[in-house]
Each structure stands twice: as structure tokens, then as C-alpha cells.
Protein backbone atom coordinates (compact mmCIF):
# COMPACT_ATOMS: atom_id res chain seq x y z
CA MET A 1 22.38 134.76 -31.00
CA THR A 2 22.22 138.13 -30.67
CA PRO A 3 18.63 139.31 -31.74
CA THR A 4 18.80 142.58 -33.95
CA ARG A 5 15.18 143.48 -32.93
CA THR A 6 14.91 145.28 -30.10
CA GLU A 7 11.47 145.07 -28.56
CA THR A 8 10.28 141.96 -26.24
CA LEU A 9 6.99 139.94 -26.62
CA ALA A 10 5.40 139.61 -23.17
CA ILE A 11 3.05 136.71 -22.71
CA ASP A 12 1.61 136.17 -19.45
CA LEU A 13 -0.48 132.48 -18.47
CA GLY A 14 -2.59 133.36 -15.98
CA SER A 15 -5.41 131.49 -13.61
CA THR A 16 -8.27 132.81 -15.67
CA GLY A 17 -6.65 134.84 -19.09
CA VAL A 18 -3.53 135.44 -21.66
CA ARG A 19 -2.19 138.71 -21.81
CA ALA A 20 0.15 139.58 -24.30
CA ALA A 21 2.54 142.96 -25.36
CA ARG A 22 5.03 144.34 -26.78
CA PHE A 23 7.94 145.90 -24.96
CA GLY A 24 11.14 148.55 -25.89
CA PRO A 25 14.53 148.80 -24.85
CA ASP A 26 13.54 150.58 -21.92
CA GLY A 27 11.12 147.58 -20.68
CA ARG A 28 7.76 150.26 -20.93
CA ARG A 29 5.20 148.67 -22.99
CA ILE A 30 4.54 149.71 -26.44
CA GLY A 31 0.80 150.06 -27.49
CA PRO A 32 -2.11 148.11 -25.87
CA VAL A 33 -2.61 144.37 -23.93
CA ALA A 34 -3.68 141.83 -26.27
CA ALA A 35 -6.42 139.51 -23.85
CA ARG A 36 -8.51 136.52 -23.74
CA ARG A 37 -10.04 134.31 -20.90
CA HIS A 38 -9.39 131.11 -21.00
CA ARG A 39 -11.02 129.60 -17.97
CA GLY A 40 -14.49 127.45 -18.30
CA GLY A 41 -15.16 125.59 -21.34
CA GLY A 42 -16.63 122.47 -19.11
CA SER A 43 -13.53 122.38 -17.29
CA ALA A 44 -13.74 122.06 -13.17
CA PRO A 45 -11.79 124.45 -11.44
CA GLY A 46 -8.02 124.04 -11.50
CA ARG A 47 -8.46 121.90 -14.87
CA VAL A 48 -6.86 123.39 -18.06
CA ARG A 49 -7.37 121.98 -21.07
CA PRO A 50 -3.94 122.05 -22.84
CA GLU A 51 -4.69 122.87 -26.61
CA SER A 52 -7.18 125.32 -25.76
CA LEU A 53 -5.14 127.19 -24.10
CA LEU A 54 -2.58 126.63 -26.85
CA ALA A 55 -5.25 128.67 -28.88
CA ALA A 56 -6.23 131.28 -26.45
CA VAL A 57 -2.49 132.06 -26.67
CA LEU A 58 -1.89 131.97 -30.86
CA ASP A 59 -5.01 134.12 -30.90
CA THR A 60 -3.92 136.27 -28.35
CA ILE A 61 -0.42 136.98 -29.47
CA GLY A 62 -1.82 136.92 -33.13
CA LYS A 63 -3.37 140.94 -32.24
CA VAL A 64 0.10 141.92 -31.21
CA ASP A 65 2.19 143.21 -33.89
CA LEU A 66 5.59 141.23 -33.75
CA ALA A 67 7.67 142.75 -36.77
CA GLY A 68 10.29 144.18 -34.05
CA VAL A 69 10.41 141.44 -31.43
CA GLY A 70 13.52 140.01 -30.48
CA ALA A 71 13.00 138.57 -27.17
CA VAL A 72 10.04 136.64 -25.73
CA ALA A 73 9.38 135.97 -22.58
CA VAL A 74 6.86 133.99 -20.76
CA SER A 75 5.01 134.44 -17.41
CA ALA A 76 3.47 131.30 -16.20
CA LEU A 77 0.92 130.28 -13.69
CA TRP A 78 3.42 129.28 -10.84
CA HIS A 79 1.74 126.11 -9.69
CA SER A 80 0.47 124.05 -12.79
CA ALA A 81 1.69 120.00 -13.74
CA LEU A 82 0.60 118.76 -17.12
CA ALA A 83 1.29 114.85 -18.47
CA LEU A 84 2.95 114.18 -21.73
CA ASP A 85 3.38 110.97 -23.47
CA ALA A 86 6.16 110.04 -25.89
CA GLU A 87 5.34 112.14 -28.95
CA SER A 88 5.17 115.22 -26.54
CA GLU A 89 1.45 115.41 -26.61
CA PRO A 90 -0.72 115.69 -23.65
CA VAL A 91 -2.30 112.50 -21.47
CA GLY A 92 -5.51 114.45 -20.74
CA GLU A 93 -5.49 118.17 -18.79
CA ALA A 94 -3.52 119.95 -17.00
CA VAL A 95 -3.93 120.94 -13.36
CA THR A 96 -3.08 123.85 -11.38
CA TRP A 97 -3.12 125.18 -7.74
CA GLU A 98 -6.33 125.23 -7.70
CA ALA A 99 -7.36 121.72 -8.91
CA ALA A 100 -9.03 119.55 -5.52
CA MET A 101 -7.13 115.66 -4.64
CA PRO A 102 -8.70 112.40 -4.36
CA GLU A 103 -7.54 110.99 -1.23
CA ARG A 104 -5.41 108.54 -2.70
CA VAL A 105 -2.69 111.61 -3.36
CA ARG A 106 -2.99 113.27 -0.07
CA ALA A 107 -1.93 109.34 1.22
CA THR A 108 0.81 109.15 -1.29
CA VAL A 109 2.13 112.67 -0.46
CA GLU A 110 1.85 112.61 3.26
CA ALA A 111 3.88 108.73 2.89
CA ALA A 112 6.69 110.26 1.36
CA ALA A 113 6.76 113.19 4.38
CA ALA A 114 10.02 111.64 5.70
CA ASP A 115 11.67 112.89 2.77
CA TRP A 116 10.50 116.47 2.53
CA SER A 117 11.50 119.49 4.73
CA LEU A 118 10.28 123.68 4.65
CA ASP A 119 14.51 124.40 4.43
CA VAL A 120 15.24 122.04 1.92
CA SER A 121 11.72 121.95 -0.57
CA GLY A 122 10.67 125.79 0.22
CA ALA A 123 7.21 124.55 -0.19
CA TYR A 124 4.60 122.55 1.14
CA PRO A 125 3.41 118.81 0.75
CA HIS A 126 0.13 120.12 -0.30
CA SER A 127 -2.44 119.67 -2.98
CA SER A 128 -1.77 123.14 -4.82
CA TYR A 129 1.89 121.65 -5.63
CA ALA A 130 3.58 119.46 -8.23
CA VAL A 131 4.58 117.09 -5.54
CA ALA A 132 0.56 116.17 -5.86
CA ALA A 133 0.06 116.79 -9.36
CA PHE A 134 2.41 114.09 -10.55
CA PRO A 135 1.00 111.19 -9.03
CA LEU A 136 -2.64 112.38 -9.67
CA LEU A 137 -1.63 112.52 -13.20
CA TYR A 138 0.75 109.83 -13.14
CA ASP A 139 -0.28 106.70 -15.48
CA GLU A 140 1.07 103.88 -18.17
CA ARG A 141 0.99 106.32 -21.10
CA VAL A 142 3.31 109.33 -19.40
CA ASP A 143 6.69 109.82 -20.71
CA ARG A 144 7.47 113.26 -18.99
CA PHE A 145 6.06 116.29 -17.25
CA ALA A 146 5.92 119.78 -18.44
CA ASP A 147 4.31 123.18 -17.02
CA LEU A 148 2.20 124.80 -18.95
CA GLY A 149 4.45 127.81 -19.57
CA SER A 150 7.30 125.12 -20.60
CA TRP A 151 4.71 123.10 -22.65
CA ILE A 152 3.60 126.57 -24.39
CA THR A 153 6.56 127.52 -25.50
CA GLU A 154 7.86 124.16 -26.96
CA ARG A 155 4.52 124.24 -29.01
CA LEU A 156 5.45 127.91 -29.95
CA THR A 157 9.20 127.35 -30.91
CA GLY A 158 8.89 123.57 -31.86
CA ARG A 159 11.50 122.15 -29.42
CA ARG A 160 11.25 120.18 -26.80
CA LEU A 161 12.28 121.77 -23.28
CA GLY A 162 12.45 121.66 -19.93
CA TRP A 163 11.15 122.66 -16.45
CA SER A 164 13.14 126.12 -16.19
CA PRO A 165 14.96 126.42 -12.61
CA THR A 166 12.10 129.45 -11.50
CA MET A 167 9.14 126.76 -12.20
CA ALA A 168 11.04 123.70 -10.45
CA ALA A 169 11.88 126.30 -7.55
CA ALA A 170 8.24 126.40 -6.95
CA SER A 171 6.96 122.85 -7.45
CA GLY A 172 7.52 121.27 -4.14
CA LEU A 173 10.02 118.63 -5.56
CA TRP A 174 12.86 121.15 -5.96
CA ARG A 175 15.88 121.58 -3.37
CA GLN A 176 16.50 124.73 -3.17
CA ASP A 177 19.66 125.70 -1.86
CA ASP A 178 21.14 122.66 -4.78
CA ARG A 179 18.62 124.14 -7.23
CA ALA A 180 18.69 120.72 -8.14
CA TRP A 181 15.53 118.45 -8.15
CA ASN A 182 14.83 116.42 -4.80
CA ARG A 183 15.24 112.73 -6.24
CA PRO A 184 14.63 111.05 -3.00
CA LEU A 185 11.32 112.78 -2.65
CA PHE A 186 10.50 111.71 -6.60
CA ALA A 187 11.13 107.87 -5.56
CA ALA A 188 9.27 108.20 -2.40
CA LEU A 189 6.19 109.34 -4.33
CA GLY A 190 6.44 106.37 -6.37
CA LEU A 191 7.58 108.39 -10.31
CA PRO A 192 10.10 106.49 -11.94
CA GLU A 193 13.79 107.82 -12.23
CA HIS A 194 13.21 108.84 -16.03
CA LEU A 195 10.06 111.35 -15.12
CA ILE A 196 12.45 113.38 -13.26
CA PRO A 197 12.18 116.37 -15.66
CA PRO A 198 14.99 117.99 -17.71
CA LEU A 199 15.93 121.53 -17.15
CA TRP A 200 15.34 124.71 -19.43
CA THR A 201 18.27 127.00 -18.38
CA ASP A 202 19.41 128.81 -21.46
CA PRO A 203 17.28 130.82 -23.96
CA VAL A 204 16.72 129.13 -27.62
CA GLU A 205 15.50 130.22 -30.92
CA GLY A 206 12.30 129.49 -32.26
CA ASP A 207 12.11 127.67 -35.35
CA GLY A 208 9.23 129.80 -36.97
CA THR A 209 6.40 127.86 -36.00
CA VAL A 210 4.50 131.15 -35.40
CA PRO A 211 5.79 133.12 -38.15
CA GLY A 212 6.03 136.86 -37.20
CA LEU A 213 8.39 135.47 -34.57
CA ALA A 214 11.12 133.69 -36.70
CA GLY A 215 14.38 134.79 -35.23
CA ALA A 216 13.19 135.26 -32.22
CA ILE A 217 14.75 134.29 -28.93
CA TRP A 218 12.45 132.55 -26.20
CA LEU A 219 13.93 132.89 -22.67
CA PRO A 220 13.26 130.33 -19.76
CA THR A 221 9.79 130.18 -18.42
CA ALA A 222 9.35 132.55 -15.18
CA GLY A 223 7.02 132.49 -12.61
CA ASP A 224 4.35 135.10 -12.01
CA GLY A 225 4.83 135.98 -8.80
CA LEU A 226 8.09 136.63 -9.54
CA CYS A 227 7.51 138.49 -13.07
CA HIS A 228 5.02 140.69 -10.66
CA ASN A 229 7.51 142.08 -8.46
CA ILE A 230 10.23 142.82 -10.92
CA GLY A 231 6.97 144.67 -12.96
CA HIS A 232 6.07 146.55 -9.64
CA ALA A 233 9.35 147.17 -8.63
CA ALA A 234 9.27 145.14 -5.41
CA VAL A 235 12.39 144.03 -4.71
CA GLY A 236 15.00 144.20 -1.89
CA PRO A 237 13.62 143.84 1.60
CA GLY A 238 12.20 147.41 1.48
CA THR A 239 9.61 147.25 -0.82
CA ILE A 240 6.95 143.74 -1.21
CA ALA A 241 4.15 143.58 -3.39
CA VAL A 242 0.68 142.35 -2.68
CA THR A 243 -1.83 140.88 -4.94
CA VAL A 244 -5.87 140.44 -4.62
CA GLY A 245 -6.84 138.96 -7.96
CA THR A 246 -8.90 135.61 -8.12
CA SER A 247 -6.37 134.28 -5.34
CA GLY A 248 -3.89 136.39 -3.06
CA SER A 249 -0.31 136.79 -2.30
CA VAL A 250 2.14 138.51 -0.25
CA ARG A 251 5.66 138.42 -2.01
CA ALA A 252 9.34 139.51 -1.59
CA LEU A 253 11.84 139.29 -3.51
CA LEU A 254 15.43 139.24 -1.52
CA PRO A 255 19.04 138.97 -2.46
CA GLY A 256 21.12 136.70 -1.38
CA ALA A 257 19.01 133.38 0.49
CA ALA A 258 16.57 133.84 2.61
CA ARG A 259 15.82 132.13 5.30
CA ALA A 260 12.65 129.43 5.85
CA VAL A 261 9.95 131.17 7.51
CA PRO A 262 7.30 129.01 9.09
CA GLY A 263 3.98 129.30 6.66
CA LEU A 264 6.16 131.04 4.33
CA TRP A 265 6.82 129.67 0.63
CA ARG A 266 10.48 130.53 -0.37
CA TYR A 267 11.92 129.42 -4.04
CA ARG A 268 15.61 130.35 -5.58
CA CYS A 269 15.06 131.89 -8.58
CA ALA A 270 18.88 132.43 -9.25
CA ASP A 271 21.54 131.59 -6.99
CA ASP A 272 21.72 135.25 -5.40
CA LEU A 273 17.36 135.95 -5.99
CA ASP A 274 15.21 134.15 -3.46
CA ALA A 275 11.17 134.78 -3.60
CA VAL A 276 9.81 135.04 -0.44
CA GLY A 277 5.80 134.68 0.44
CA GLY A 278 2.50 133.67 1.76
CA ALA A 279 -0.16 132.47 -0.44
CA VAL A 280 -3.90 133.57 -0.09
CA THR A 281 -6.47 130.83 -2.26
CA SER A 282 -9.75 132.39 -1.74
CA ALA A 283 -9.67 135.83 -2.41
CA GLY A 284 -11.77 137.43 -5.71
CA ASN A 285 -12.84 134.08 -6.20
CA ALA A 286 -14.22 134.12 -2.65
CA LEU A 287 -15.84 137.35 -3.20
CA GLU A 288 -17.41 136.61 -6.46
CA TRP A 289 -19.15 132.88 -4.14
CA VAL A 290 -20.43 135.79 -2.04
CA ARG A 291 -22.16 137.63 -5.10
CA ARG A 292 -23.25 134.96 -6.20
CA PHE A 293 -24.53 133.60 -3.14
CA THR A 294 -26.04 137.13 -1.86
CA GLY A 295 -27.18 138.29 -5.08
CA THR A 296 -25.26 141.01 -4.74
CA GLY A 297 -21.35 142.03 -5.34
CA VAL A 298 -19.50 143.94 -2.10
CA ASP A 299 -19.74 147.63 -2.02
CA TRP A 300 -16.68 148.39 -0.87
CA GLY A 301 -18.14 152.19 -0.61
CA ARG A 302 -19.27 151.11 2.92
CA TYR A 303 -16.22 150.83 4.61
CA SER A 304 -15.16 154.10 4.15
CA GLY A 305 -16.61 155.70 7.51
CA ASP A 306 -15.83 154.68 10.70
CA PRO A 307 -15.11 151.24 11.85
CA VAL A 308 -18.33 149.42 12.01
CA LEU A 309 -17.96 145.27 12.20
CA PRO A 310 -20.83 143.29 11.56
CA PRO A 311 -21.58 140.69 14.60
CA VAL A 312 -21.23 138.01 11.46
CA ARG A 313 -17.51 136.55 10.94
CA ALA A 314 -16.40 134.49 8.00
CA ASP A 315 -13.53 131.87 7.13
CA PRO A 316 -13.04 132.54 3.76
CA ALA A 317 -11.63 129.51 2.44
CA VAL A 318 -14.84 128.78 -0.04
CA TYR A 319 -11.70 127.46 -2.12
CA GLY A 320 -9.79 126.50 0.47
CA ARG A 321 -6.87 127.36 1.80
CA ARG A 322 -2.72 127.11 1.55
CA GLY A 323 -0.57 129.34 4.03
CA PRO A 324 -0.53 129.78 6.61
CA ASP A 325 -0.94 125.94 7.49
CA TYR A 326 -1.69 124.39 4.21
CA PRO A 327 -4.29 122.25 5.10
CA TRP A 328 -5.31 119.71 2.21
CA ASP A 329 -9.01 119.94 3.15
CA ALA A 330 -9.76 123.57 4.55
CA THR A 331 -13.57 124.83 3.73
CA ALA A 332 -15.29 128.33 4.42
CA SER A 333 -17.81 129.02 7.28
CA ILE A 334 -19.58 131.49 8.39
CA SER A 335 -20.41 132.17 12.66
CA GLY A 336 -22.01 134.66 14.76
CA LEU A 337 -25.60 134.14 12.98
CA GLY A 338 -28.73 135.03 15.00
CA PRO A 339 -32.19 136.03 14.19
CA SER A 340 -31.72 139.38 13.32
CA SER A 341 -28.27 138.12 11.30
CA THR A 342 -29.30 139.27 6.82
CA LEU A 343 -26.69 138.81 3.58
CA ASP A 344 -25.38 142.22 4.15
CA ASP A 345 -24.01 140.86 7.30
CA VAL A 346 -22.96 137.89 5.49
CA ARG A 347 -21.22 139.67 2.35
CA ASP A 348 -19.92 142.24 4.99
CA ALA A 349 -17.92 139.37 7.08
CA PHE A 350 -16.34 138.44 4.14
CA ALA A 351 -15.51 141.90 2.68
CA ILE A 352 -13.69 142.04 6.39
CA ASP A 353 -12.11 139.08 6.97
CA LEU A 354 -10.90 138.29 3.40
CA TRP A 355 -7.96 140.54 4.95
CA ARG A 356 -7.02 138.14 7.45
CA ASP A 357 -4.37 136.03 5.84
CA PHE A 358 -2.82 138.88 3.82
CA ARG A 359 -2.18 140.01 7.47
CA ALA A 360 -0.60 136.75 9.02
CA HIS A 361 1.42 136.63 6.33
CA PHE A 362 3.18 140.26 6.31
CA THR A 363 3.75 139.19 10.00
CA SER A 364 4.96 136.50 9.02
CA MET A 365 7.64 138.29 6.95
CA ARG A 366 8.72 140.56 8.82
CA PRO A 367 11.64 139.69 10.06
CA LEU A 368 12.56 139.52 6.60
CA LEU A 369 11.95 143.10 5.77
CA ASP A 370 13.30 146.73 6.56
CA PRO A 371 11.46 147.69 8.97
CA GLU A 372 9.41 150.23 7.52
CA PRO A 373 8.85 148.44 3.89
CA VAL A 374 6.71 149.54 1.54
CA VAL A 375 4.03 147.89 0.18
CA ARG A 376 2.21 148.07 -3.33
CA ALA A 377 -0.44 146.59 -4.10
CA ALA A 378 -2.19 145.35 -7.04
CA GLY A 379 -4.62 142.77 -8.52
CA GLY A 380 -8.44 142.62 -10.01
CA VAL A 381 -10.09 143.01 -6.13
CA ILE A 382 -8.45 146.38 -5.56
CA ASN A 383 -8.31 147.73 -8.51
CA GLY A 384 -10.46 150.76 -9.04
CA HIS A 385 -11.77 150.05 -5.44
CA HIS A 386 -9.62 152.70 -3.32
CA ALA A 387 -12.11 151.38 -0.14
CA GLY A 388 -11.07 147.76 -0.66
CA ALA A 389 -7.23 148.74 -1.14
CA GLN A 390 -7.75 150.95 2.32
CA LEU A 391 -8.76 147.91 4.28
CA LEU A 392 -5.67 145.82 3.05
CA ALA A 393 -3.72 149.01 4.30
CA ASP A 394 -5.69 149.16 7.85
CA ALA A 395 -5.52 145.04 8.07
CA LEU A 396 -1.72 145.26 7.45
CA ALA A 397 -1.30 148.19 9.51
CA THR A 398 1.02 150.20 6.76
CA PRO A 399 0.89 151.83 4.25
CA VAL A 400 -0.32 150.75 0.77
CA GLU A 401 0.83 152.69 -2.15
CA LEU A 402 -1.09 152.09 -5.37
CA VAL A 403 0.97 152.24 -8.42
CA ASP A 404 0.62 153.02 -12.05
CA VAL A 405 1.38 149.33 -13.77
CA ASP A 406 -1.36 147.58 -14.99
CA GLU A 407 -0.64 143.88 -15.57
CA ALA A 408 2.29 143.84 -13.77
CA SER A 409 3.32 140.19 -13.83
CA LEU A 410 3.50 140.80 -18.34
CA ALA A 411 4.74 144.49 -17.05
CA GLY A 412 7.76 142.16 -15.49
CA ALA A 413 8.43 139.72 -18.69
CA GLY A 414 8.72 143.04 -20.27
CA VAL A 415 11.61 144.09 -17.96
CA VAL A 416 13.37 140.42 -18.28
CA GLY A 417 13.17 140.54 -22.40
CA ALA A 418 14.38 144.18 -22.05
CA GLN A 419 17.09 143.37 -20.03
CA PHE A 420 18.40 140.27 -22.32
CA LEU A 421 18.32 142.13 -25.23
CA ARG A 422 20.31 145.18 -23.57
CA ASP A 423 22.77 142.94 -21.98
CA GLY A 424 22.85 139.76 -23.94
CA LEU A 425 22.62 137.61 -20.96
CA HIS A 426 19.64 136.25 -19.66
CA ASP A 427 19.87 136.92 -15.42
CA LEU A 428 17.06 137.10 -13.21
CA PRO A 429 19.00 138.95 -10.65
CA ALA A 430 19.83 141.88 -13.20
CA ALA A 431 16.27 142.73 -14.18
CA ALA A 432 15.20 142.92 -10.99
CA ALA A 433 17.71 145.26 -9.80
CA ALA A 434 17.13 147.31 -12.95
CA ALA A 435 13.54 147.35 -11.99
CA GLU A 436 14.48 148.57 -8.48
CA ARG A 437 16.94 151.09 -10.02
CA GLY A 438 14.13 152.31 -12.54
CA GLU A 439 16.69 151.69 -15.53
CA LEU A 440 13.99 149.05 -16.72
CA GLY A 441 9.97 149.41 -16.90
CA ALA A 442 8.11 151.97 -14.96
CA CYS A 443 6.53 152.13 -11.96
CA ARG A 444 4.66 155.51 -10.60
CA THR A 445 3.32 155.72 -6.61
CA VAL A 446 -0.40 157.49 -7.80
CA ARG A 447 -2.47 156.90 -4.63
CA LEU A 448 -0.91 156.71 -0.93
CA LEU A 449 -3.39 154.70 1.86
CA GLU A 450 -2.36 155.01 5.09
CA PRO A 451 -3.81 152.64 7.35
CA ARG A 452 -6.74 154.62 9.69
CA ALA A 453 -5.80 153.91 13.47
CA ALA A 454 -9.29 153.35 14.37
CA TRP A 455 -10.09 150.84 11.82
CA THR A 456 -6.60 148.77 12.46
CA GLU A 457 -7.82 147.87 16.63
CA ARG A 458 -10.65 146.88 15.59
CA LEU A 459 -9.43 144.54 13.23
CA GLU A 460 -6.68 143.39 15.70
CA ALA A 461 -9.58 142.98 18.44
CA ARG A 462 -11.57 140.81 15.56
CA TRP A 463 -8.72 138.36 14.68
CA ARG A 464 -7.45 137.84 17.97
CA PRO A 465 -6.79 134.60 18.57
């Protein structure tokens, strides 16, 4: 199963769009990124029409020259679930981390709490995980569950696959240290034994469903957070990745077994590689809501001078909250309104208080990191908005690096594919190590933002309990 073609086709399935590009033997991108949005189409937030997503993927990879592709590496949103019938056809829509869950699902998950622990699961009994999605989607028609990335790969390879261990690790239904499904938890959720998904651990060769990829080797799906860190060479306790996009996150890839930390998730991606981090549900999506509510988007330039903070305060959980406390019913709020309050005050409050949860996650992670870790930041909120990234540095009280890698998850998938083609072995720790050493991929710092002491002091005072 050793390909003679030396390029990787990397595909990134995100919450709002699909991206694809070619990467060479050195893990660096060749040519442009093909992209297409898939959000919308009448589906509610957190709901995805599988066939529409498949069409978007086919359209996207159809724009890429596949002649030299020997391997396909897929990065997919880490939290999704799809019910399939006995013919492997979708039963309704897929759900993602954004989906609202009815009260009956919450009751089912909370009733199963005795079979859950953070130490074992590395995740939370929360609506954003498959631990809630499976009970939501289950009925008598369901033959099995898939994640979106693996189902897309099934359709493009013509092979029946399962969950990669990396995707299963982010389900809330996984025993991290054993790297196996938590069978008692399935039973406690009322899910039959036959619905425990099979695992997909080895690369497979496609059957020619996509003509240009006949003979190419498809690697087990990898979580987008894992790929993002690899794409930014944010590997080890000395470098972490912060994403500020539709949602946000603070993540580290750590060798060996990391200990569980309250408020953080921990996914065992390989026998000796853990991803640890905190999730921010309301980030760029909350700022987009603010733009619609106030009629004007955030002007990051307003925060370039001396710290002047609005009297209004915001809890930005417009789309809910995950870490650090993982409530099911979090909502946004605005406090401190007075007769002189303006829409500018509301906009400023969201732009400032957006960073509070990032700070909380970073503070929780500090015991797992080097004393002075490097923070590499990216995402639609701060790409091209250095003043926004500056507020992140101020909030963390730590320098923040902006790097020259666009689409970090896509780039990380390119490194994963290049490592496979180089070594003839699918080995995520080896791919991560190659990125860290600069052997594969390319990540160059283009700007270093030092925290502003005055801003840090004012933010700490504003957020002090």
C-alpha cells in the first residue's frame, strides 16, 4: 500500500465551510486553497444536511489538481454525529457542537452521570458532545452512528469505515487511558450494544469513487483542533495554539499522558500524545450577533490606545458556553446599563469581555506548560486585525505570535499526509514531532505582540470575581 505519487490532498471540514489543497513531500502547500461555505441552507444552528455537505466537498476537491495525490488526509470538526440506517443512508440531519438539545436529552445524560468521570472520559456530559447527540438521534431506524468526517470519507472511498480513535476521543463516550469505548456509559444512556461504533485505525485505498483519487490512500480522520496545532507547530508544553474563529479554543499537544484539569478537556490522540484545552462556544459568532444587534461591527482600532473600558459589562454567551463550567443553558447578558449607555458601550463590552474565557482556560493550563509558553494565535476574528490580537495578549498577560500559516487545520492535515508518505506509516506523534522540529510544514512568526501592562491590569481588575 505504498503510493508512488508524492502529494497529499488535505481536506478540512469546518463548522461553516470546506477547504481543500495539495501539499508536497515537505508538508508545504502547493497552489491555492479551494473553499466553499456550507452553512445555511435552511438548517438550524448545529444541524448539517449530510448530502449537502458531501456535494460541497465534491465541488471543492473538484477544483484541485489531483494528478500527483498519493494520500488524502481529512481534518474534521471534532464534535459531530450522524445517524445511519442499515443501508448507510443518513437518518435526518447531522448534529454538531452548536446544536440545541431538548430537555429529555439532558435528563438522559444527567441520569447516566454515575458512569462518567472527567479522569476517564476527558470530556464533559454536555450538549456539545456525542454523549448527548447519540441519545438525541437514536430511534428504531438507526443501525449505527458516524461522525461527519468519517461518513464523508466512506462516501468518497466506497468503503464502510468507523470512527478513528482521534475522533472517538472527543465524543465524551471514550475511555481516554484505555483508548476504547466506554461501554457502561452507552448502556446507561439506553443505547444498544450494537450501536457502539467500530474503529477505523488503518489507512485504506479508495475504490475510485473520485476518479482523480483512484489508488490514493485515505488516512483515518483527524480532529480539526489536533490538525490546527500541528499546522502551527504548536506541539509540546512550550507552545500552545489559540483559535478565535466562529468559536474559540486554547489547546496544547502534549507528549505522554496529561493529567485531567477541571474546566479543560483531554483527548488521547495516540498512545503518547494528548490534546488538552478549553473551548469557547461564543466567539466570532457572538461578535457577528453584536454587529446585527447594534448595526455596526467591532472596530478593533478603538482599543489601540490607553485602556478605556465601558461601564457596561457583557457575558458573551449568545450561543451558549462550554468551558470552564459546561452549563447546558448558558445565555448572554449585559449588565451595568444606565441612562447614558449607548450601543457603542454594548459593542465595546462584547469586544472586551470576549477574552475573559480565553484567559480562564489559559490560566487553567499553566501547570501543564513551560513557565513561559509561546502562544500562537489565528482565526477569522484576529486575522488581519492586530488590535484584536493585541487584546488577546493583554488578556493572557503573555506575548502572542501571529504566524504566516493560513488555514491551520488544513495545513496540519497536509503535514499528517506528508509524514505518512515519507515514512510509510500513519503516525500522529511522528507528524506532530516533525512539525515541531520544522521538518514538515512551514510556520513563520510574522508579528509578536507583547502584552500592554496597563491593559492587563485593567482587564484583571474588570474580571476579578
